[in-house]
Amino acid sequence: MDTKVVAICGSMKFAKEMIEYTKELETQYGWCVIQCVYELDPTKISTEELDRVVSAHWKKIDICDAIFVVNVGGYIGASTQKEIDYAKSLGKEVIFAFNLKDTKSFDKMF
């Protein structure tokens, strides 16, 4: 089994799914997952806290082997697309949770 360090990326509207994938990737694949969900209710995070979390997230992409994009229904928002572009610019592997043409995908993982 190939151990990877992956950063979870995706819209916060998929926070529950990101938590589920984090568990699955660690328990079933032995990957080290750098998660990004700190609160399921976004109204409980201040603007200052959010700014710090976003800044830290870019560093997570810097240090990971790959990003794991939780793209439920194929949805990728503008922020997530920037993360994908950044990861690709660094030569990182980009893995999508749901099937996209010409990509590595974990479609039907559950």
PDB file of N, CA and C in Angstrom:
ATOM      1  N   MET A   1       0.854  -1.177   0.000  1.00  0.00           N
ATOM      2  CA  MET A   1       0.000   0.000   0.000  1.00  0.00           C
ATOM      3  C   MET A   1       0.903   1.244   0.000  1.00  0.00           C
ATOM      4  N   ASP A   2       0.645   2.142  -0.918  1.00  0.00           N
ATOM      5  CA  ASP A   2       1.418   3.370  -1.057  1.00  0.00           C
ATOM      6  C   ASP A   2       0.903   4.415  -0.078  1.00  0.00           C
ATOM      7  N   THR A   3       1.751   4.827   0.880  1.00  0.00           N
ATOM      8  CA  THR A   3       1.349   5.838   1.847  1.00  0.00           C
ATOM      9  C   THR A   3       1.531   7.211   1.223  1.00  0.00           C
ATOM     10  N   LYS A   4       0.488   8.004   1.269  1.00  0.00           N
ATOM     11  CA  LYS A   4       0.515   9.360   0.740  1.00  0.00           C
ATOM     12  C   LYS A   4       0.131  10.327   1.842  1.00  0.00           C
ATOM     13  N   VAL A   5       0.643  11.536   1.716  1.00  0.00           N
ATOM     14  CA  VAL A   5       0.159  12.644   2.533  1.00  0.00           C
ATOM     15  C   VAL A   5      -0.718  13.457   1.596  1.00  0.00           C
ATOM     16  N   VAL A   6      -2.006  13.562   1.939  1.00  0.00           N
ATOM     17  CA  VAL A   6      -2.943  14.280   1.075  1.00  0.00           C
ATOM     18  C   VAL A   6      -3.652  15.376   1.855  1.00  0.00           C
ATOM     19  N   ALA A   7      -3.887  16.474   1.179  1.00  0.00           N
ATOM     20  CA  ALA A   7      -4.683  17.563   1.739  1.00  0.00           C
ATOM     21  C   ALA A   7      -6.067  17.487   1.115  1.00  0.00           C
ATOM     22  N   ILE A   8      -7.079  17.522   1.947  1.00  0.00           N
ATOM     23  CA  ILE A   8      -8.462  17.529   1.469  1.00  0.00           C
ATOM     24  C   ILE A   8      -8.797  18.928   0.966  1.00  0.00           C
ATOM     25  N   CYS A   9      -9.425  18.996  -0.200  1.00  0.00           N
ATOM     26  CA  CYS A   9      -9.875  20.267  -0.772  1.00  0.00           C
ATOM     27  C   CYS A   9     -11.325  20.108  -1.226  1.00  0.00           C
ATOM     28  N   GLY A  10     -12.056  21.206  -1.213  1.00  0.00           N
ATOM     29  CA  GLY A  10     -13.433  21.183  -1.697  1.00  0.00           C
ATOM     30  C   GLY A  10     -14.259  22.257  -1.023  1.00  0.00           C
ATOM     31  N   SER A  11     -15.454  22.406  -1.514  1.00  0.00           N
ATOM     32  CA  SER A  11     -16.386  23.386  -0.962  1.00  0.00           C
ATOM     33  C   SER A  11     -16.800  22.986   0.455  1.00  0.00           C
ATOM     34  N   MET A  12     -16.879  23.963   1.335  1.00  0.00           N
ATOM     35  CA  MET A  12     -17.293  23.685   2.714  1.00  0.00           C
ATOM     36  C   MET A  12     -18.739  23.199   2.792  1.00  0.00           C
ATOM     37  N   LYS A  13     -19.497  23.343   1.711  1.00  0.00           N
ATOM     38  CA  LYS A  13     -20.838  22.764   1.736  1.00  0.00           C
ATOM     39  C   LYS A  13     -20.765  21.236   1.735  1.00  0.00           C
ATOM     40  N   PHE A  14     -19.580  20.693   1.464  1.00  0.00           N
ATOM     41  CA  PHE A  14     -19.355  19.250   1.511  1.00  0.00           C
ATOM     42  C   PHE A  14     -18.533  18.849   2.741  1.00  0.00           C
ATOM     43  N   ALA A  15     -18.629  19.614   3.824  1.00  0.00           N
ATOM     44  CA  ALA A  15     -17.829  19.356   5.024  1.00  0.00           C
ATOM     45  C   ALA A  15     -18.054  17.945   5.569  1.00  0.00           C
ATOM     46  N   LYS A  16     -19.282  17.512   5.625  1.00  0.00           N
ATOM     47  CA  LYS A  16     -19.564  16.163   6.152  1.00  0.00           C
ATOM     48  C   LYS A  16     -18.911  15.095   5.279  1.00  0.00           C
ATOM     49  N   GLU A  17     -18.988  15.280   3.967  1.00  0.00           N
ATOM     50  CA  GLU A  17     -18.366  14.323   3.053  1.00  0.00           C
ATOM     51  C   GLU A  17     -16.846  14.333   3.206  1.00  0.00           C
ATOM     52  N   MET A  18     -16.264  15.518   3.445  1.00  0.00           N
ATOM     53  CA  MET A  18     -14.809  15.602   3.641  1.00  0.00           C
ATOM     54  C   MET A  18     -14.388  14.813   4.876  1.00  0.00           C
ATOM     55  N   ILE A  19     -15.181  14.893   5.931  1.00  0.00           N
ATOM     56  CA  ILE A  19     -14.895  14.134   7.142  1.00  0.00           C
ATOM     57  C   ILE A  19     -14.968  12.637   6.853  1.00  0.00           C
ATOM     58  N   GLU A  20     -15.983  12.221   6.099  1.00  0.00           N
ATOM     59  CA  GLU A  20     -16.135  10.811   5.752  1.00  0.00           C
ATOM     60  C   GLU A  20     -14.962  10.317   4.910  1.00  0.00           C
ATOM     61  N   TYR A  21     -14.551  11.105   3.923  1.00  0.00           N
ATOM     62  CA  TYR A  21     -13.410  10.714   3.097  1.00  0.00           C
ATOM     63  C   TYR A  21     -12.127  10.665   3.908  1.00  0.00           C
ATOM     64  N   THR A  22     -11.940  11.604   4.830  1.00  0.00           N
ATOM     65  CA  THR A  22     -10.745  11.597   5.670  1.00  0.00           C
ATOM     66  C   THR A  22     -10.653  10.268   6.412  1.00  0.00           C
ATOM     67  N   LYS A  23     -11.737   9.863   7.023  1.00  0.00           N
ATOM     68  CA  LYS A  23     -11.753   8.591   7.751  1.00  0.00           C
ATOM     69  C   LYS A  23     -11.461   7.426   6.815  1.00  0.00           C
ATOM     70  N   GLU A  24     -12.111   7.406   5.672  1.00  0.00           N
ATOM     71  CA  GLU A  24     -11.947   6.297   4.723  1.00  0.00           C
ATOM     72  C   GLU A  24     -10.510   6.220   4.193  1.00  0.00           C
ATOM     73  N   LEU A  25      -9.957   7.358   3.826  1.00  0.00           N
ATOM     74  CA  LEU A  25      -8.596   7.362   3.275  1.00  0.00           C
ATOM     75  C   LEU A  25      -7.564   6.919   4.307  1.00  0.00           C
ATOM     76  N   GLU A  26      -7.778   7.277   5.562  1.00  0.00           N
ATOM     77  CA  GLU A  26      -6.833   6.870   6.601  1.00  0.00           C
ATOM     78  C   GLU A  26      -7.040   5.420   7.030  1.00  0.00           C
ATOM     79  N   THR A  27      -8.294   5.011   7.247  1.00  0.00           N
ATOM     80  CA  THR A  27      -8.543   3.662   7.755  1.00  0.00           C
ATOM     81  C   THR A  27      -8.412   2.590   6.682  1.00  0.00           C
ATOM     82  N   GLN A  28      -8.820   2.883   5.470  1.00  0.00           N
ATOM     83  CA  GLN A  28      -8.800   1.874   4.416  1.00  0.00           C
ATOM     84  C   GLN A  28      -7.527   1.890   3.566  1.00  0.00           C
ATOM     85  N   TYR A  29      -6.904   3.059   3.438  1.00  0.00           N
ATOM     86  CA  TYR A  29      -5.733   3.189   2.567  1.00  0.00           C
ATOM     87  C   TYR A  29      -4.455   3.508   3.333  1.00  0.00           C
ATOM     88  N   GLY A  30      -4.559   3.873   4.594  1.00  0.00           N
ATOM     89  CA  GLY A  30      -3.389   4.199   5.390  1.00  0.00           C
ATOM     90  C   GLY A  30      -2.731   5.505   5.015  1.00  0.00           C
ATOM     91  N   TRP A  31      -3.464   6.365   4.330  1.00  0.00           N
ATOM     92  CA  TRP A  31      -2.918   7.663   3.938  1.00  0.00           C
ATOM     93  C   TRP A  31      -2.945   8.603   5.137  1.00  0.00           C
ATOM     94  N   CYS A  32      -2.051   9.555   5.142  1.00  0.00           N
ATOM     95  CA  CYS A  32      -2.038  10.614   6.147  1.00  0.00           C
ATOM     96  C   CYS A  32      -2.808  11.791   5.555  1.00  0.00           C
ATOM     97  N   VAL A  33      -3.964  12.076   6.109  1.00  0.00           N
ATOM     98  CA  VAL A  33      -4.851  13.099   5.540  1.00  0.00           C
ATOM     99  C   VAL A  33      -4.777  14.377   6.370  1.00  0.00           C
ATOM    100  N   ILE A  34      -4.470  15.464   5.695  1.00  0.00           N
ATOM    101  CA  ILE A  34      -4.482  16.774   6.335  1.00  0.00           C
ATOM    102  C   ILE A  34      -5.865  17.353   6.066  1.00  0.00           C
ATOM    103  N   GLN A  35      -6.683  17.355   7.077  1.00  0.00           N
ATOM    104  CA  GLN A  35      -8.081  17.766   6.901  1.00  0.00           C
ATOM    105  C   GLN A  35      -8.238  19.283   6.916  1.00  0.00           C
ATOM    106  N   CYS A  36      -9.418  19.736   6.529  1.00  0.00           N
ATOM    107  CA  CYS A  36      -9.669  21.186   6.480  1.00  0.00           C
ATOM    108  C   CYS A  36     -10.995  21.574   7.112  1.00  0.00           C
ATOM    109  N   VAL A  37     -11.667  20.633   7.758  1.00  0.00           N
ATOM    110  CA  VAL A  37     -12.960  20.929   8.368  1.00  0.00           C
ATOM    111  C   VAL A  37     -12.759  21.122   9.864  1.00  0.00           C
ATOM    112  N   TYR A  38     -13.061  22.331  10.331  1.00  0.00           N
ATOM    113  CA  TYR A  38     -12.910  22.651  11.743  1.00  0.00           C
ATOM    114  C   TYR A  38     -14.238  22.917  12.425  1.00  0.00           C
ATOM    115  N   GLU A  39     -15.250  23.192  11.639  1.00  0.00           N
ATOM    116  CA  GLU A  39     -16.565  23.519  12.188  1.00  0.00           C
ATOM    117  C   GLU A  39     -17.606  23.265  11.101  1.00  0.00           C
ATOM    118  N   LEU A  40     -18.613  22.465  11.418  1.00  0.00           N
ATOM    119  CA  LEU A  40     -19.668  22.197  10.443  1.00  0.00           C
ATOM    120  C   LEU A  40     -20.584  23.397  10.248  1.00  0.00           C
ATOM    121  N   ASP A  41     -20.649  24.273  11.243  1.00  0.00           N
ATOM    122  CA  ASP A  41     -21.458  25.482  11.140  1.00  0.00           C
ATOM    123  C   ASP A  41     -20.529  26.672  10.874  1.00  0.00           C
ATOM    124  N   PRO A  42     -20.461  27.130   9.610  1.00  0.00           N
ATOM    125  CA  PRO A  42     -19.517  28.200   9.270  1.00  0.00           C
ATOM    126  C   PRO A  42     -19.768  29.522   9.988  1.00  0.00           C
ATOM    127  N   THR A  43     -20.946  29.712  10.555  1.00  0.00           N
ATOM    128  CA  THR A  43     -21.224  30.955  11.278  1.00  0.00           C
ATOM    129  C   THR A  43     -20.487  31.002  12.612  1.00  0.00           C
ATOM    130  N   LYS A  44     -19.912  29.872  13.042  1.00  0.00           N
ATOM    131  CA  LYS A  44     -19.193  29.818  14.315  1.00  0.00           C
ATOM    132  C   LYS A  44     -17.707  30.134  14.172  1.00  0.00           C
ATOM    133  N   ILE A  45     -17.267  30.467  12.965  1.00  0.00           N
ATOM    134  CA  ILE A  45     -15.874  30.818  12.722  1.00  0.00           C
ATOM    135  C   ILE A  45     -15.808  32.300  12.380  1.00  0.00           C
ATOM    136  N   SER A  46     -14.980  33.028  13.101  1.00  0.00           N
ATOM    137  CA  SER A  46     -14.856  34.467  12.849  1.00  0.00           C
ATOM    138  C   SER A  46     -14.100  34.706  11.542  1.00  0.00           C
ATOM    139  N   THR A  47     -14.198  35.903  11.032  1.00  0.00           N
ATOM    140  CA  THR A  47     -13.488  36.280   9.811  1.00  0.00           C
ATOM    141  C   THR A  47     -11.982  36.132   9.997  1.00  0.00           C
ATOM    142  N   GLU A  48     -11.481  36.558  11.154  1.00  0.00           N
ATOM    143  CA  GLU A  48     -10.048  36.435  11.436  1.00  0.00           C
ATOM    144  C   GLU A  48      -9.617  34.969  11.473  1.00  0.00           C
ATOM    145  N   GLU A  49     -10.419  34.138  12.123  1.00  0.00           N
ATOM    146  CA  GLU A  49     -10.099  32.708  12.176  1.00  0.00           C
ATOM    147  C   GLU A  49     -10.122  32.101  10.782  1.00  0.00           C
ATOM    148  N   LEU A  50     -11.112  32.468   9.997  1.00  0.00           N
ATOM    149  CA  LEU A  50     -11.218  31.951   8.640  1.00  0.00           C
ATOM    150  C   LEU A  50     -10.006  32.355   7.803  1.00  0.00           C
ATOM    151  N   ASP A  51      -9.566  33.593   7.928  1.00  0.00           N
ATOM    152  CA  ASP A  51      -8.380  34.049   7.195  1.00  0.00           C
ATOM    153  C   ASP A  51      -7.156  33.204   7.559  1.00  0.00           C
ATOM    154  N   ARG A  52      -6.998  32.890   8.841  1.00  0.00           N
ATOM    155  CA  ARG A  52      -5.865  32.067   9.278  1.00  0.00           C
ATOM    156  C   ARG A  52      -5.977  30.641   8.751  1.00  0.00           C
ATOM    157  N   VAL A  53      -7.187  30.095   8.768  1.00  0.00           N
ATOM    158  CA  VAL A  53      -7.408  28.740   8.262  1.00  0.00           C
ATOM    159  C   VAL A  53      -7.100  28.666   6.765  1.00  0.00           C
ATOM    160  N   VAL A  54      -7.552  29.648   6.019  1.00  0.00           N
ATOM    161  CA  VAL A  54      -7.301  29.670   4.569  1.00  0.00           C
ATOM    162  C   VAL A  54      -5.799  29.771   4.295  1.00  0.00           C
ATOM    163  N   SER A  55      -5.116  30.627   5.029  1.00  0.00           N
ATOM    164  CA  SER A  55      -3.671  30.770   4.864  1.00  0.00           C
ATOM    165  C   SER A  55      -2.955  29.451   5.164  1.00  0.00           C
ATOM    166  N   ALA A  56      -3.367  28.801   6.225  1.00  0.00           N
ATOM    167  CA  ALA A  56      -2.766  27.508   6.592  1.00  0.00           C
ATOM    168  C   ALA A  56      -3.052  26.451   5.529  1.00  0.00           C
ATOM    169  N   HIS A  57      -4.221  26.535   4.894  1.00  0.00           N
ATOM    170  CA  HIS A  57      -4.591  25.541   3.886  1.00  0.00           C
ATOM    171  C   HIS A  57      -3.625  25.567   2.705  1.00  0.00           C
ATOM    172  N   TRP A  58      -3.189  26.758   2.286  1.00  0.00           N
ATOM    173  CA  TRP A  58      -2.230  26.853   1.177  1.00  0.00           C
ATOM    174  C   TRP A  58      -0.914  26.180   1.559  1.00  0.00           C
ATOM    175  N   LYS A  59      -0.498  26.311   2.811  1.00  0.00           N
ATOM    176  CA  LYS A  59       0.723  25.652   3.281  1.00  0.00           C
ATOM    177  C   LYS A  59       0.541  24.135   3.265  1.00  0.00           C
ATOM    178  N   LYS A  60      -0.662  23.659   3.584  1.00  0.00           N
ATOM    179  CA  LYS A  60      -0.948  22.224   3.533  1.00  0.00           C
ATOM    180  C   LYS A  60      -0.716  21.688   2.129  1.00  0.00           C
ATOM    181  N   ILE A  61      -1.134  22.450   1.130  1.00  0.00           N
ATOM    182  CA  ILE A  61      -0.926  22.040  -0.256  1.00  0.00           C
ATOM    183  C   ILE A  61       0.577  21.995  -0.549  1.00  0.00           C
ATOM    184  N   ASP A  62       1.325  22.960  -0.016  1.00  0.00           N
ATOM    185  CA  ASP A  62       2.776  22.973  -0.210  1.00  0.00           C
ATOM    186  C   ASP A  62       3.438  21.695   0.299  1.00  0.00           C
ATOM    187  N   ILE A  63       2.998  21.189   1.448  1.00  0.00           N
ATOM    188  CA  ILE A  63       3.700  20.080   2.087  1.00  0.00           C
ATOM    189  C   ILE A  63       3.157  18.691   1.754  1.00  0.00           C
ATOM    190  N   CYS A  64       2.018  18.603   1.092  1.00  0.00           N
ATOM    191  CA  CYS A  64       1.420  17.294   0.811  1.00  0.00           C
ATOM    192  C   CYS A  64       2.006  16.669  -0.464  1.00  0.00           C
ATOM    193  N   ASP A  65       1.745  15.364  -0.624  1.00  0.00           N
ATOM    194  CA  ASP A  65       2.102  14.665  -1.858  1.00  0.00           C
ATOM    195  C   ASP A  65       1.042  14.880  -2.931  1.00  0.00           C
ATOM    196  N   ALA A  66      -0.198  15.025  -2.480  1.00  0.00           N
ATOM    197  CA  ALA A  66      -1.334  15.128  -3.396  1.00  0.00           C
ATOM    198  C   ALA A  66      -2.466  15.884  -2.709  1.00  0.00           C
ATOM    199  N   ILE A  67      -3.402  16.370  -3.524  1.00  0.00           N
ATOM    200  CA  ILE A  67      -4.646  16.886  -2.951  1.00  0.00           C
ATOM    201  C   ILE A  67      -5.763  15.935  -3.333  1.00  0.00           C
ATOM    202  N   PHE A  68      -6.718  15.817  -2.427  1.00  0.00           N
ATOM    203  CA  PHE A  68      -7.893  14.975  -2.647  1.00  0.00           C
ATOM    204  C   PHE A  68      -9.093  15.915  -2.701  1.00  0.00           C
ATOM    205  N   VAL A  69      -9.669  16.045  -3.892  1.00  0.00           N
ATOM    206  CA  VAL A  69     -10.750  17.000  -4.124  1.00  0.00           C
ATOM    207  C   VAL A  69     -12.095  16.308  -3.925  1.00  0.00           C
ATOM    208  N   VAL A  70     -12.852  16.779  -2.945  1.00  0.00           N
ATOM    209  CA  VAL A  70     -14.200  16.267  -2.705  1.00  0.00           C
ATOM    210  C   VAL A  70     -15.135  17.123  -3.560  1.00  0.00           C
ATOM    211  N   ASN A  71     -15.504  16.564  -4.692  1.00  0.00           N
ATOM    212  CA  ASN A  71     -16.285  17.280  -5.703  1.00  0.00           C
ATOM    213  C   ASN A  71     -17.625  16.583  -5.926  1.00  0.00           C
ATOM    214  N   VAL A  72     -18.455  16.609  -4.914  1.00  0.00           N
ATOM    215  CA  VAL A  72     -19.758  15.931  -4.960  1.00  0.00           C
ATOM    216  C   VAL A  72     -20.540  16.400  -6.184  1.00  0.00           C
ATOM    217  N   GLY A  73     -21.028  15.437  -6.950  1.00  0.00           N
ATOM    218  CA  GLY A  73     -21.774  15.754  -8.164  1.00  0.00           C
ATOM    219  C   GLY A  73     -20.930  16.444  -9.231  1.00  0.00           C
ATOM    220  N   GLY A  74     -19.608  16.377  -9.087  1.00  0.00           N
ATOM    221  CA  GLY A  74     -18.711  17.034 -10.034  1.00  0.00           C
ATOM    222  C   GLY A  74     -18.506  18.514  -9.765  1.00  0.00           C
ATOM    223  N   TYR A  75     -19.080  19.027  -8.662  1.00  0.00           N
ATOM    224  CA  TYR A  75     -18.999  20.460  -8.367  1.00  0.00           C
ATOM    225  C   TYR A  75     -17.602  20.861  -7.905  1.00  0.00           C
ATOM    226  N   ILE A  76     -17.058  21.874  -8.557  1.00  0.00           N
ATOM    227  CA  ILE A  76     -15.793  22.486  -8.152  1.00  0.00           C
ATOM    228  C   ILE A  76     -16.003  23.992  -8.202  1.00  0.00           C
ATOM    229  N   GLY A  77     -15.945  24.638  -7.038  1.00  0.00           N
ATOM    230  CA  GLY A  77     -16.112  26.087  -6.961  1.00  0.00           C
ATOM    231  C   GLY A  77     -14.826  26.817  -7.319  1.00  0.00           C
ATOM    232  N   ALA A  78     -14.917  28.129  -7.364  1.00  0.00           N
ATOM    233  CA  ALA A  78     -13.779  28.964  -7.769  1.00  0.00           C
ATOM    234  C   ALA A  78     -12.580  28.792  -6.837  1.00  0.00           C
ATOM    235  N   SER A  79     -12.804  28.759  -5.535  1.00  0.00           N
ATOM    236  CA  SER A  79     -11.699  28.604  -4.577  1.00  0.00           C
ATOM    237  C   SER A  79     -11.023  27.245  -4.739  1.00  0.00           C
ATOM    238  N   THR A  80     -11.829  26.207  -4.892  1.00  0.00           N
ATOM    239  CA  THR A  80     -11.274  24.866  -5.072  1.00  0.00           C
ATOM    240  C   THR A  80     -10.503  24.780  -6.379  1.00  0.00           C
ATOM    241  N   GLN A  81     -11.000  25.423  -7.420  1.00  0.00           N
ATOM    242  CA  GLN A  81     -10.281  25.414  -8.692  1.00  0.00           C
ATOM    243  C   GLN A  81      -8.917  26.086  -8.546  1.00  0.00           C
ATOM    244  N   LYS A  82      -8.851  27.154  -7.762  1.00  0.00           N
ATOM    245  CA  LYS A  82      -7.558  27.814  -7.498  1.00  0.00           C
ATOM    246  C   LYS A  82      -6.609  26.864  -6.770  1.00  0.00           C
ATOM    247  N   GLU A  83      -7.149  26.085  -5.830  1.00  0.00           N
ATOM    248  CA  GLU A  83      -6.334  25.113  -5.104  1.00  0.00           C
ATOM    249  C   GLU A  83      -5.815  24.030  -6.053  1.00  0.00           C
ATOM    250  N   ILE A  84      -6.669  23.567  -6.946  1.00  0.00           N
ATOM    251  CA  ILE A  84      -6.263  22.563  -7.940  1.00  0.00           C
ATOM    252  C   ILE A  84      -5.151  23.130  -8.831  1.00  0.00           C
ATOM    253  N   ASP A  85      -5.356  24.335  -9.327  1.00  0.00           N
ATOM    254  CA  ASP A  85      -4.359  24.966 -10.198  1.00  0.00           C
ATOM    255  C   ASP A  85      -3.031  25.141  -9.469  1.00  0.00           C
ATOM    256  N   TYR A  86      -3.098  25.560  -8.207  1.00  0.00           N
ATOM    257  CA  TYR A  86      -1.888  25.747  -7.410  1.00  0.00           C
ATOM    258  C   TYR A  86      -1.166  24.414  -7.215  1.00  0.00           C
ATOM    259  N   ALA A  87      -1.918  23.379  -6.839  1.00  0.00           N
ATOM    260  CA  ALA A  87      -1.317  22.060  -6.635  1.00  0.00           C
ATOM    261  C   ALA A  87      -0.648  21.569  -7.922  1.00  0.00           C
ATOM    262  N   LYS A  88      -1.322  21.736  -9.041  1.00  0.00           N
ATOM    263  CA  LYS A  88      -0.743  21.315 -10.322  1.00  0.00           C
ATOM    264  C   LYS A  88       0.524  22.103 -10.631  1.00  0.00           C
ATOM    265  N   SER A  89       0.540  23.401 -10.300  1.00  0.00           N
ATOM    266  CA  SER A  89       1.727  24.225 -10.568  1.00  0.00           C
ATOM    267  C   SER A  89       2.934  23.744  -9.756  1.00  0.00           C
ATOM    268  N   LEU A  90       2.663  23.073  -8.643  1.00  0.00           N
ATOM    269  CA  LEU A  90       3.723  22.526  -7.794  1.00  0.00           C
ATOM    270  C   LEU A  90       4.071  21.082  -8.171  1.00  0.00           C
ATOM    271  N   GLY A  91       3.369  20.537  -9.148  1.00  0.00           N
ATOM    272  CA  GLY A  91       3.603  19.162  -9.571  1.00  0.00           C
ATOM    273  C   GLY A  91       2.967  18.122  -8.673  1.00  0.00           C
ATOM    274  N   LYS A  92       1.961  18.540  -7.892  1.00  0.00           N
ATOM    275  CA  LYS A  92       1.268  17.623  -6.981  1.00  0.00           C
ATOM    276  C   LYS A  92       0.259  16.770  -7.752  1.00  0.00           C
ATOM    277  N   GLU A  93       0.041  15.573  -7.268  1.00  0.00           N
ATOM    278  CA  GLU A  93      -1.013  14.717  -7.810  1.00  0.00           C
ATOM    279  C   GLU A  93      -2.351  15.293  -7.365  1.00  0.00           C
ATOM    280  N   VAL A  94      -3.343  15.268  -8.256  1.00  0.00           N
ATOM    281  CA  VAL A  94      -4.693  15.731  -7.935  1.00  0.00           C
ATOM    282  C   VAL A  94      -5.627  14.541  -8.099  1.00  0.00           C
ATOM    283  N   ILE A  95      -6.277  14.168  -7.005  1.00  0.00           N
ATOM    284  CA  ILE A  95      -7.191  13.024  -6.991  1.00  0.00           C
ATOM    285  C   ILE A  95      -8.585  13.556  -6.717  1.00  0.00           C
ATOM    286  N   PHE A  96      -9.535  13.166  -7.549  1.00  0.00           N
ATOM    287  CA  PHE A  96     -10.911  13.619  -7.387  1.00  0.00           C
ATOM    288  C   PHE A  96     -11.745  12.517  -6.750  1.00  0.00           C
ATOM    289  N   ALA A  97     -12.614  12.889  -5.824  1.00  0.00           N
ATOM    290  CA  ALA A  97     -13.483  11.911  -5.174  1.00  0.00           C
ATOM    291  C   ALA A  97     -14.486  11.334  -6.166  1.00  0.00           C
ATOM    292  N   PHE A  98     -14.980  12.178  -7.056  1.00  0.00           N
ATOM    293  CA  PHE A  98     -15.992  11.740  -8.007  1.00  0.00           C
ATOM    294  C   PHE A  98     -15.450  11.833  -9.417  1.00  0.00           C
ATOM    295  N   ASN A  99     -15.854  10.911 -10.239  1.00  0.00           N
ATOM    296  CA  ASN A  99     -15.306  10.698 -11.558  1.00  0.00           C
ATOM    297  C   ASN A  99     -15.302  11.946 -12.437  1.00  0.00           C
ATOM    298  N   LEU A 100     -14.133  12.302 -12.929  1.00  0.00           N
ATOM    299  CA  LEU A 100     -13.968  13.350 -13.932  1.00  0.00           C
ATOM    300  C   LEU A 100     -13.134  12.756 -15.055  1.00  0.00           C
ATOM    301  N   LYS A 101     -13.415  13.137 -16.263  1.00  0.00           N
ATOM    302  CA  LYS A 101     -12.696  12.602 -17.417  1.00  0.00           C
ATOM    303  C   LYS A 101     -11.191  12.834 -17.274  1.00  0.00           C
ATOM    304  N   ASP A 102     -10.424  11.798 -17.590  1.00  0.00           N
ATOM    305  CA  ASP A 102      -8.962  11.860 -17.617  1.00  0.00           C
ATOM    306  C   ASP A 102      -8.340  12.236 -16.272  1.00  0.00           C
ATOM    307  N   THR A 103      -8.909  11.759 -15.177  1.00  0.00           N
ATOM    308  CA  THR A 103      -8.329  12.026 -13.863  1.00  0.00           C
ATOM    309  C   THR A 103      -8.336  10.737 -13.050  1.00  0.00           C
ATOM    310  N   LYS A 104      -7.524  10.723 -12.028  1.00  0.00           N
ATOM    311  CA  LYS A 104      -7.582   9.628 -11.061  1.00  0.00           C
ATOM    312  C   LYS A 104      -8.783   9.910 -10.155  1.00  0.00           C
ATOM    313  N   SER A 105      -9.608   8.914  -9.926  1.00  0.00           N
ATOM    314  CA  SER A 105     -10.845   9.138  -9.199  1.00  0.00           C
ATOM    315  C   SER A 105     -11.135   8.008  -8.214  1.00  0.00           C
ATOM    316  N   PHE A 106     -11.780   8.376  -7.122  1.00  0.00           N
ATOM    317  CA  PHE A 106     -12.227   7.397  -6.140  1.00  0.00           C
ATOM    318  C   PHE A 106     -13.747   7.224  -6.232  1.00  0.00           C
ATOM    319  N   ASP A 107     -14.300   7.432  -7.407  1.00  0.00           N
ATOM    320  CA  ASP A 107     -15.731   7.263  -7.618  1.00  0.00           C
ATOM    321  C   ASP A 107     -16.152   5.881  -7.115  1.00  0.00           C
ATOM    322  N   LYS A 108     -17.266   5.825  -6.445  1.00  0.00           N
ATOM    323  CA  LYS A 108     -17.831   4.584  -5.897  1.00  0.00           C
ATOM    324  C   LYS A 108     -16.956   3.979  -4.810  1.00  0.00           C
ATOM    325  N   MET A 109     -16.188   4.830  -4.115  1.00  0.00           N
ATOM    326  CA  MET A 109     -15.306   4.343  -3.066  1.00  0.00           C
ATOM    327  C   MET A 109     -16.097   3.755  -1.910  1.00  0.00           C
ATOM    328  N   PHE A 110     -17.261   4.318  -1.643  1.00  0.00           N
ATOM    329  CA  PHE A 110     -18.046   3.844  -0.511  1.00  0.00           C
ATOM    330  C   PHE A 110     -19.041   2.801  -0.950  1.00  0.00           C
TER     331      PHE A 110
END
